Each structure stands twice: as structure tokens, then as C-alpha cells.
Amino acid sequence: MQSFKKIVFILIILFIITGCSLFKRDNMENINIITTNYALEYVTRSLYGDNSLIQSIYPDGINIDDYNLTDKQIKDYSKKDMFIYMGLTKDSEKAVTFLNKNGEMKIIDATFGMRYEESEDELWLNPSNLLMM
């Protein structure tokens, strides 16, 4: 009878531990993700917002082409887990900088395999491109 109680107790404990979210399902759960422009931040937040902390490296209302990151920002951002950027723009230079500071950072080029003819806006105006991202 005593061993039966122990087995039941162990089964209850195992059920509680596996039923609760004490353990991560994988190493990509609850990670810190940084993105470049608002469109990437929006798409990333829509897909992974429940399982990660997402922020843009650019403040609201600035011209991305004229904005330069400070050394402190580069240091802080390079500590994040993942960087999602548009490889067809100057953001690829930032990806190299972050990767040089943190070799463990995961890098995603959201525009890999895409191209545009006139301006970058074509990437966002074409719904099929948005779906590819």
C-alpha cells in the first residue's frame, strides 16, 4: 500500500510538472528579437509576439536613411537573441556589426531572394512579398 501511494504521488508530480510551462519547448521561446523598419516589426509581432519580446532598432518617426546607431545602442542591440532585417538595404551592414559583436545572435534576412526595380516600397506594396517574409 505504501509503494502504491508513492507511485501515485510521483505520477501526480510528473503530471503537474509536464502540464505547467516550467520547461521551455525549445531555445527560441521567450527570446528578444530586434527588427529594422516598422513593417518587419509588425509582421514579426503578428507571428511571434506571444512568445518573444520584439522591438525596432529605430525610434518612431525618424528617417531610417539618415539615422545612425550610437555605440551604446549597437552594444545593447548586439546582446539580443535575433535580428531580422531587410538585406536589400543598408541594414545588412548593421547585421554584420551585430554578428561581429555577438556570434551567437541569429540573423534573418527577410528579403532574401526578393528584388525590386524602382524603390524599396515595392517590397511592401506587393502582397506576395509580404507573405514571403
C-alpha atoms as a PDB file:
ATOM      1  CA  MET A   1       0.000   0.000   0.000  1.00  0.00           C
ATOM      2  CA  GLN A   2       2.883   2.334   0.867  1.00  0.00           C
ATOM      3  CA  SER A   3       4.560   1.814  -2.523  1.00  0.00           C
ATOM      4  CA  PHE A   4       1.226   2.404  -4.283  1.00  0.00           C
ATOM      5  CA  LYS A   5       0.938   5.824  -2.586  1.00  0.00           C
ATOM      6  CA  LYS A   6       4.496   6.677  -3.646  1.00  0.00           C
ATOM      7  CA  ILE A   7       3.792   5.751  -7.261  1.00  0.00           C
ATOM      8  CA  VAL A   8       0.591   7.809  -7.299  1.00  0.00           C
ATOM      9  CA  PHE A   9       2.429  10.743  -5.707  1.00  0.00           C
ATOM     10  CA  ILE A  10       5.215  10.557  -8.320  1.00  0.00           C
ATOM     11  CA  LEU A  11       2.664  10.369 -11.142  1.00  0.00           C
ATOM     12  CA  ILE A  12       0.845  13.431  -9.793  1.00  0.00           C
ATOM     13  CA  ILE A  13       4.113  15.376  -9.537  1.00  0.00           C
ATOM     14  CA  LEU A  14       5.088  14.365 -13.087  1.00  0.00           C
ATOM     15  CA  PHE A  15       1.664  15.406 -14.357  1.00  0.00           C
ATOM     16  CA  ILE A  16       1.951  18.814 -12.681  1.00  0.00           C
ATOM     17  CA  ILE A  17       5.480  19.418 -13.963  1.00  0.00           C
ATOM     18  CA  THR A  18       4.707  18.437 -17.555  1.00  0.00           C
ATOM     19  CA  GLY A  19       1.362  20.228 -17.536  1.00  0.00           C
ATOM     20  CA  CYS A  20       2.838  23.519 -16.401  1.00  0.00           C
ATOM     21  CA  SER A  21       5.067  25.630 -18.546  1.00  0.00           C
ATOM     22  CA  LEU A  22       8.075  25.255 -16.281  1.00  0.00           C
ATOM     23  CA  PHE A  23      10.139  23.989 -19.170  1.00  0.00           C
ATOM     24  CA  LYS A  24      10.713  25.705 -22.482  1.00  0.00           C
ATOM     25  CA  ARG A  25       9.642  23.796 -25.529  1.00  0.00           C
ATOM     26  CA  ASP A  26      12.735  24.955 -27.413  1.00  0.00           C
ATOM     27  CA  ASN A  27      15.504  27.520 -27.243  1.00  0.00           C
ATOM     28  CA  MET A  28      13.544  30.017 -29.371  1.00  0.00           C
ATOM     29  CA  GLU A  29      10.817  30.547 -26.779  1.00  0.00           C
ATOM     30  CA  ASN A  30      10.761  33.894 -24.936  1.00  0.00           C
ATOM     31  CA  ILE A  31      13.654  35.374 -26.913  1.00  0.00           C
ATOM     32  CA  ASN A  32      14.482  39.025 -27.585  1.00  0.00           C
ATOM     33  CA  ILE A  33      14.074  39.965 -31.240  1.00  0.00           C
ATOM     34  CA  ILE A  34      15.098  43.248 -32.847  1.00  0.00           C
ATOM     35  CA  THR A  35      13.945  44.369 -36.271  1.00  0.00           C
ATOM     36  CA  THR A  36      14.685  47.281 -38.537  1.00  0.00           C
ATOM     37  CA  ASN A  37      11.663  49.034 -40.013  1.00  0.00           C
ATOM     38  CA  TYR A  38       8.072  49.105 -38.803  1.00  0.00           C
ATOM     39  CA  ALA A  39       6.787  46.662 -41.408  1.00  0.00           C
ATOM     40  CA  LEU A  40       9.173  43.955 -40.230  1.00  0.00           C
ATOM     41  CA  GLU A  41       8.345  44.715 -36.616  1.00  0.00           C
ATOM     42  CA  TYR A  42       4.625  44.408 -37.398  1.00  0.00           C
ATOM     43  CA  VAL A  43       4.992  41.093 -39.221  1.00  0.00           C
ATOM     44  CA  THR A  44       7.273  39.681 -36.513  1.00  0.00           C
ATOM     45  CA  ARG A  45       4.951  40.832 -33.730  1.00  0.00           C
ATOM     46  CA  SER A  46       1.978  39.260 -35.541  1.00  0.00           C
ATOM     47  CA  LEU A  47       3.763  35.932 -35.867  1.00  0.00           C
ATOM     48  CA  TYR A  48       5.836  35.705 -32.681  1.00  0.00           C
ATOM     49  CA  GLY A  49       4.505  38.399 -30.344  1.00  0.00           C
ATOM     50  CA  ASP A  50       3.111  35.914 -27.826  1.00  0.00           C
ATOM     51  CA  ASN A  51       6.400  34.045 -27.483  1.00  0.00           C
ATOM     52  CA  SER A  52       9.024  36.776 -27.661  1.00  0.00           C
ATOM     53  CA  LEU A  53       9.910  40.382 -26.900  1.00  0.00           C
ATOM     54  CA  ILE A  54      10.088  42.378 -30.137  1.00  0.00           C
ATOM     55  CA  GLN A  55      11.398  45.885 -30.675  1.00  0.00           C
ATOM     56  CA  SER A  56      12.677  48.012 -33.533  1.00  0.00           C
ATOM     57  CA  ILE A  57      16.198  49.421 -33.555  1.00  0.00           C
ATOM     58  CA  TYR A  58      14.830  52.687 -34.944  1.00  0.00           C
ATOM     59  CA  PRO A  59      12.791  55.164 -32.875  1.00  0.00           C
ATOM     60  CA  ASP A  60       9.340  56.152 -34.134  1.00  0.00           C
ATOM     61  CA  GLY A  61       9.088  58.991 -36.626  1.00  0.00           C
ATOM     62  CA  ILE A  62      12.674  59.123 -37.871  1.00  0.00           C
ATOM     63  CA  ASN A  63      14.119  58.837 -41.358  1.00  0.00           C
ATOM     64  CA  ILE A  64      15.829  55.457 -41.399  1.00  0.00           C
ATOM     65  CA  ASP A  65      18.280  56.512 -44.110  1.00  0.00           C
ATOM     66  CA  ASP A  66      19.633  59.421 -42.021  1.00  0.00           C
ATOM     67  CA  TYR A  67      19.670  57.707 -38.623  1.00  0.00           C
ATOM     68  CA  ASN A  68      22.900  56.276 -37.199  1.00  0.00           C
ATOM     69  CA  LEU A  69      23.076  53.987 -34.181  1.00  0.00           C
ATOM     70  CA  THR A  70      25.298  55.039 -31.293  1.00  0.00           C
ATOM     71  CA  ASP A  71      27.995  52.741 -29.921  1.00  0.00           C
ATOM     72  CA  LYS A  72      25.884  52.138 -26.810  1.00  0.00           C
ATOM     73  CA  GLN A  73      22.863  51.156 -28.935  1.00  0.00           C
ATOM     74  CA  ILE A  74      24.991  48.791 -31.004  1.00  0.00           C
ATOM     75  CA  LYS A  75      26.345  47.216 -27.816  1.00  0.00           C
ATOM     76  CA  ASP A  76      22.844  46.846 -26.320  1.00  0.00           C
ATOM     77  CA  TYR A  77      21.246  45.524 -29.504  1.00  0.00           C
ATOM     78  CA  SER A  78      24.029  43.025 -30.108  1.00  0.00           C
ATOM     79  CA  LYS A  79      23.096  41.325 -26.819  1.00  0.00           C
ATOM     80  CA  LYS A  80      19.689  40.334 -28.224  1.00  0.00           C
ATOM     81  CA  ASP A  81      18.919  36.833 -29.463  1.00  0.00           C
ATOM     82  CA  MET A  82      17.765  37.541 -33.016  1.00  0.00           C
ATOM     83  CA  PHE A  83      17.966  40.310 -35.628  1.00  0.00           C
ATOM     84  CA  ILE A  84      15.513  40.474 -38.540  1.00  0.00           C
ATOM     85  CA  TYR A  85      16.437  42.934 -41.262  1.00  0.00           C
ATOM     86  CA  MET A  86      15.979  43.806 -44.930  1.00  0.00           C
ATOM     87  CA  GLY A  87      19.054  42.578 -46.782  1.00  0.00           C
ATOM     88  CA  LEU A  88      18.280  44.707 -49.817  1.00  0.00           C
ATOM     89  CA  THR A  89      19.033  47.869 -47.847  1.00  0.00           C
ATOM     90  CA  LYS A  90      21.908  49.265 -45.784  1.00  0.00           C
ATOM     91  CA  ASP A  91      20.606  47.221 -42.849  1.00  0.00           C
ATOM     92  CA  SER A  92      22.850  44.364 -43.924  1.00  0.00           C
ATOM     93  CA  GLU A  93      25.790  46.416 -42.599  1.00  0.00           C
ATOM     94  CA  LYS A  94      24.089  46.522 -39.195  1.00  0.00           C
ATOM     95  CA  ALA A  95      23.632  42.746 -39.294  1.00  0.00           C
ATOM     96  CA  VAL A  96      27.369  42.294 -39.833  1.00  0.00           C
ATOM     97  CA  THR A  97      28.131  44.689 -36.962  1.00  0.00           C
ATOM     98  CA  PHE A  98      25.777  42.868 -34.570  1.00  0.00           C
ATOM     99  CA  LEU A  99      27.122  39.479 -35.621  1.00  0.00           C
ATOM    100  CA  ASN A 100      30.721  40.621 -35.064  1.00  0.00           C
ATOM    101  CA  LYS A 101      29.805  41.676 -31.500  1.00  0.00           C
ATOM    102  CA  ASN A 102      27.716  38.568 -30.753  1.00  0.00           C
ATOM    103  CA  GLY A 103      28.486  35.426 -32.727  1.00  0.00           C
ATOM    104  CA  GLU A 104      25.536  33.629 -31.104  1.00  0.00           C
ATOM    105  CA  MET A 105      22.946  36.084 -32.490  1.00  0.00           C
ATOM    106  CA  LYS A 106      20.593  34.590 -35.030  1.00  0.00           C
ATOM    107  CA  ILE A 107      20.264  36.698 -38.177  1.00  0.00           C
ATOM    108  CA  ILE A 108      17.325  36.597 -40.615  1.00  0.00           C
ATOM    109  CA  ASP A 109      17.294  38.420 -43.943  1.00  0.00           C
ATOM    110  CA  ALA A 110      13.558  38.894 -44.505  1.00  0.00           C
ATOM    111  CA  THR A 111      14.070  39.928 -48.130  1.00  0.00           C
ATOM    112  CA  PHE A 112      16.302  37.026 -49.139  1.00  0.00           C
ATOM    113  CA  GLY A 113      15.562  36.083 -52.739  1.00  0.00           C
ATOM    114  CA  MET A 114      13.451  39.189 -53.410  1.00  0.00           C
ATOM    115  CA  ARG A 115      14.235  42.120 -55.663  1.00  0.00           C
ATOM    116  CA  TYR A 116      12.783  45.461 -56.631  1.00  0.00           C
ATOM    117  CA  GLU A 117      13.179  47.669 -59.669  1.00  0.00           C
ATOM    118  CA  GLU A 118      12.304  51.230 -58.633  1.00  0.00           C
ATOM    119  CA  SER A 119      12.290  51.616 -54.848  1.00  0.00           C
ATOM    120  CA  GLU A 120      12.166  49.619 -51.613  1.00  0.00           C
ATOM    121  CA  ASP A 121       8.481  50.464 -51.290  1.00  0.00           C
ATOM    122  CA  GLU A 122       7.775  47.801 -53.897  1.00  0.00           C
ATOM    123  CA  LEU A 123       8.701  45.183 -51.311  1.00  0.00           C
ATOM    124  CA  TRP A 124       5.823  46.233 -49.051  1.00  0.00           C
ATOM    125  CA  LEU A 125       3.271  47.100 -51.706  1.00  0.00           C
ATOM    126  CA  ASN A 126       3.387  43.652 -53.282  1.00  0.00           C
ATOM    127  CA  PRO A 127       1.324  41.291 -51.100  1.00  0.00           C
ATOM    128  CA  SER A 128       3.219  38.223 -52.268  1.00  0.00           C
ATOM    129  CA  ASN A 129       6.465  39.737 -50.933  1.00  0.00           C
ATOM    130  CA  LEU A 130       4.850  40.370 -47.587  1.00  0.00           C
ATOM    131  CA  LEU A 131       3.718  36.749 -47.466  1.00  0.00           C
ATOM    132  CA  MET A 132       7.240  35.560 -48.294  1.00  0.00           C
ATOM    133  CA  MET A 133       8.591  37.489 -45.328  1.00  0.00           C
END
